[in-house]
């Protein structure tokens, strides 16, 4: 299987993961329903596997995220453009999600054969990406949207810190599952390679 085919498969899988889990938002419009939203993890995983396709794969996944939000909100009989989630802060999701994408790309670029160092890089990059993504997405919603009548620094910090750990936990679980699949697939591919025969 060539690299282009592998990337295409990954793109389809990541897009499907995000779409299916994001579509479970209608009842609460929160990321923590029975099946948590995998969007943050999808962009991080996409950044790792699709780094070479960033120019078009990231915009494609971003467009898919907006399309799913439109379907979810419109499906409730609400106007997408006047929904409280779609304030000017909504468009901060672009740099917020790109932070996650960049985090995955960073791991791909600097990974080594030293599995311990690569794992440490993965953890550090994931935590940093989630922290900044939360800062951009939650911070913009808190300060720019009209949902918070009287924003204060203390109120923002409490909201930010209250939600950071749940977002990090969900993202880490999905990325951890992807890591397990990655290691398993790598081992299977290694075992499937024909070994050179020695002369009798």
Protein backbone atom coordinates (compact mmCIF):
# COMPACT_ATOMS: atom_id res chain seq x y z
CA UNK A 1 0.00 0.00 0.00
CA UNK A 2 1.56 3.32 -1.03
CA UNK A 3 1.79 6.45 1.10
CA UNK A 4 -0.97 8.30 -0.75
CA UNK A 5 -3.41 5.45 -0.20
CA UNK A 6 -2.49 5.24 3.48
CA UNK A 7 -3.06 8.97 3.93
CA UNK A 8 -6.38 8.80 2.11
CA UNK A 9 -7.54 5.99 4.41
CA UNK A 10 -6.45 7.96 7.48
CA UNK A 11 -8.26 11.07 6.22
CA UNK A 12 -11.49 9.11 5.74
CA UNK A 13 -11.19 7.48 9.18
CA UNK A 14 -10.42 10.74 10.98
CA UNK A 15 -13.25 12.55 9.18
CA UNK A 16 -15.66 9.72 10.03
CA UNK A 17 -14.59 9.71 13.69
CA UNK A 18 -15.15 13.44 13.97
CA UNK A 19 -18.46 13.46 12.09
CA UNK A 20 -19.98 10.53 13.97
CA UNK A 21 -19.04 11.77 17.44
CA UNK A 22 -19.81 15.42 16.66
CA UNK A 23 -23.27 14.47 15.42
CA UNK A 24 -24.08 13.27 18.94
CA UNK A 25 -24.24 16.87 20.16
CA UNK A 26 -27.91 17.75 19.46
CA UNK A 27 -29.32 17.17 22.92
CA UNK A 28 -26.89 19.26 24.92
CA UNK A 29 -24.56 20.92 22.41
CA UNK A 30 -21.72 19.87 24.67
CA UNK A 31 -18.67 17.77 23.93
CA UNK A 32 -19.30 15.37 26.81
CA UNK A 33 -22.37 13.30 25.90
CA UNK A 34 -22.62 9.49 25.94
CA UNK A 35 -20.13 9.44 23.07
CA UNK A 36 -17.72 12.34 23.65
CA UNK A 37 -16.87 14.57 20.70
CA UNK A 38 -13.58 13.44 19.14
CA UNK A 39 -13.02 16.65 17.13
CA UNK A 40 -10.02 17.83 19.14
CA UNK A 41 -8.34 14.45 18.88
CA UNK A 42 -9.24 14.18 15.19
CA UNK A 43 -7.32 17.37 14.38
CA UNK A 44 -4.33 16.27 16.47
CA UNK A 45 -4.29 12.83 14.82
CA UNK A 46 -4.79 14.45 11.42
CA UNK A 47 -1.80 16.71 12.01
CA UNK A 48 0.35 13.66 12.70
CA UNK A 49 -0.68 11.48 9.78
CA UNK A 50 -1.61 14.15 7.23
CA UNK A 51 1.14 16.67 7.85
CA UNK A 52 2.16 16.58 4.18
CA UNK A 53 -1.45 17.31 3.18
CA UNK A 54 -1.97 20.21 5.60
CA UNK A 55 -2.71 22.75 2.86
CA UNK A 56 -5.95 21.03 1.88
CA UNK A 57 -6.67 18.33 4.49
CA UNK A 58 -6.94 20.80 7.38
CA UNK A 59 -9.41 23.10 5.54
CA UNK A 60 -11.41 20.03 4.47
CA UNK A 61 -11.75 18.79 8.07
CA UNK A 62 -12.53 22.32 9.25
CA UNK A 63 -15.30 22.59 6.65
CA UNK A 64 -16.64 19.22 7.79
CA UNK A 65 -16.74 20.42 11.41
CA UNK A 66 -18.77 23.50 10.41
CA UNK A 67 -21.07 21.38 8.22
CA UNK A 68 -21.77 18.99 11.09
CA UNK A 69 -22.50 21.92 13.42
CA UNK A 70 -24.88 23.32 10.81
CA UNK A 71 -26.69 19.97 10.54
CA UNK A 72 -26.92 19.59 14.32
CA UNK A 73 -28.22 23.13 14.95
CA UNK A 74 -30.56 23.23 11.96
CA UNK A 75 -31.84 19.78 12.88
CA UNK A 76 -33.21 21.27 16.08
CA UNK A 77 -35.22 23.79 14.05
CA UNK A 78 -32.84 26.63 14.99
CA UNK A 79 -31.19 29.21 12.77
CA UNK A 80 -27.49 28.35 12.50
CA UNK A 81 -26.37 31.97 12.07
CA UNK A 82 -28.26 33.27 15.10
CA UNK A 83 -27.43 30.38 17.43
CA UNK A 84 -25.51 31.40 20.55
CA UNK A 85 -22.64 29.05 19.64
CA UNK A 86 -22.17 30.80 16.29
CA UNK A 87 -21.02 34.17 17.56
CA UNK A 88 -17.96 35.96 16.15
CA UNK A 89 -16.00 33.76 18.58
CA UNK A 90 -17.05 30.67 16.59
CA UNK A 91 -14.49 31.49 13.93
CA UNK A 92 -11.72 31.29 16.52
CA UNK A 93 -12.18 27.54 16.15
CA UNK A 94 -10.02 27.77 13.02
CA UNK A 95 -6.81 28.82 14.85
CA UNK A 96 -7.85 26.73 17.87
CA UNK A 97 -8.14 23.54 15.83
CA UNK A 98 -5.02 24.41 13.86
CA UNK A 99 -3.14 24.45 17.17
CA UNK A 100 -4.13 20.81 17.64
CA UNK A 101 -3.13 20.03 14.06
CA UNK A 102 0.24 21.71 14.63
CA UNK A 103 0.73 19.67 17.80
CA UNK A 104 0.30 16.41 15.89
CA UNK A 105 2.54 17.68 13.08
CA UNK A 106 5.23 18.54 15.62
CA UNK A 107 5.26 14.98 16.94
CA UNK A 108 5.55 13.59 13.40
CA UNK A 109 8.39 15.94 12.54
CA UNK A 110 10.54 15.33 15.61
CA UNK A 111 9.78 11.70 16.44
CA UNK A 112 12.79 9.41 16.70
CA UNK A 113 13.50 5.70 17.04
CA UNK A 114 13.74 6.30 20.77
CA UNK A 115 10.19 5.37 21.75
CA UNK A 116 10.48 6.89 25.23
CA UNK A 117 11.48 10.30 23.86
CA UNK A 118 8.80 10.17 21.19
CA UNK A 119 6.15 9.29 23.79
CA UNK A 120 7.32 12.18 25.98
CA UNK A 121 7.12 14.48 22.96
CA UNK A 122 3.61 13.21 22.22
CA UNK A 123 2.41 13.85 25.76
CA UNK A 124 3.99 17.32 25.97
CA UNK A 125 2.72 18.31 22.53
CA UNK A 126 -0.80 17.05 23.25
CA UNK A 127 -1.04 18.88 26.57
CA UNK A 128 0.34 22.12 25.11
CA UNK A 129 -1.96 21.93 22.07
CA UNK A 130 -5.06 21.33 24.22
CA UNK A 131 -4.12 24.16 26.60
CA UNK A 132 -3.78 26.64 23.72
CA UNK A 133 -6.85 25.30 21.87
CA UNK A 134 -8.92 25.75 25.03
CA UNK A 135 -7.46 29.22 25.49
CA UNK A 136 -8.53 30.24 21.98
CA UNK A 137 -11.91 28.52 21.81
CA UNK A 138 -13.14 29.08 25.36
CA UNK A 139 -11.41 32.45 25.75
CA UNK A 140 -12.89 33.86 22.57
CA UNK A 141 -16.37 32.61 23.49
CA UNK A 142 -16.11 34.06 26.99
CA UNK A 143 -14.78 37.49 25.96
CA UNK A 144 -16.29 38.05 22.50
CA UNK A 145 -19.71 36.37 22.43
CA UNK A 146 -22.72 38.00 24.01
CA UNK A 147 -23.37 34.91 26.17
CA UNK A 148 -21.44 36.32 29.13
CA UNK A 149 -23.13 39.49 30.31
CA UNK A 150 -20.35 40.83 32.53
CA UNK A 151 -17.05 39.08 31.80
CA UNK A 152 -14.32 39.25 34.44
CA UNK A 153 -10.85 37.77 34.58
CA UNK A 154 -11.81 35.68 37.62
CA UNK A 155 -14.90 34.38 35.83
CA UNK A 156 -12.92 33.57 32.71
CA UNK A 157 -10.22 31.75 34.67
CA UNK A 158 -12.75 29.65 36.59
CA UNK A 159 -14.52 28.70 33.36
CA UNK A 160 -11.21 27.94 31.62
CA UNK A 161 -9.81 25.82 34.44
CA UNK A 162 -13.10 23.99 35.06
CA UNK A 163 -13.28 22.77 31.46
CA UNK A 164 -9.59 22.26 30.63
CA UNK A 165 -9.21 18.88 32.34
CA UNK A 166 -12.37 17.32 30.80
CA UNK A 167 -11.30 18.43 27.32
CA UNK A 168 -7.77 17.16 27.89
CA UNK A 169 -9.05 13.83 29.24
CA UNK A 170 -11.36 13.18 26.27
CA UNK A 171 -8.71 14.19 23.74
CA UNK A 172 -6.06 12.07 25.46
CA UNK A 173 -8.33 9.01 25.49
CA UNK A 174 -8.97 9.21 21.75
CA UNK A 175 -5.30 9.89 20.97
CA UNK A 176 -4.31 7.01 23.27
CA UNK A 177 -6.64 4.66 21.39
CA UNK A 178 -5.15 5.87 18.09
CA UNK A 179 -1.67 5.20 19.49
CA UNK A 180 -2.64 1.63 20.38
CA UNK A 181 -3.99 1.07 16.87
CA UNK A 182 -0.83 2.65 15.39
CA UNK A 183 1.49 0.38 17.40
CA UNK A 184 -0.59 -2.69 16.56
CA UNK A 185 -0.68 -1.88 12.84
CA UNK A 186 3.07 -1.19 12.82
CA UNK A 187 3.80 -4.55 14.45
CA UNK A 188 1.52 -6.40 12.03
CA UNK A 189 3.17 -4.70 9.06
CA UNK A 190 6.61 -5.57 10.43
CA UNK A 191 5.68 -9.23 10.89
CA UNK A 192 4.12 -9.37 7.42
CA UNK A 193 7.34 -8.29 5.71
CA UNK A 194 9.12 -11.20 4.04
CA UNK A 195 12.37 -12.01 5.77
CA UNK A 196 15.52 -12.65 3.78
CA UNK A 197 16.45 -16.30 3.59
CA UNK A 198 19.89 -17.50 4.56
CA UNK A 199 21.74 -19.99 2.42
CA UNK A 200 21.70 -23.64 3.59
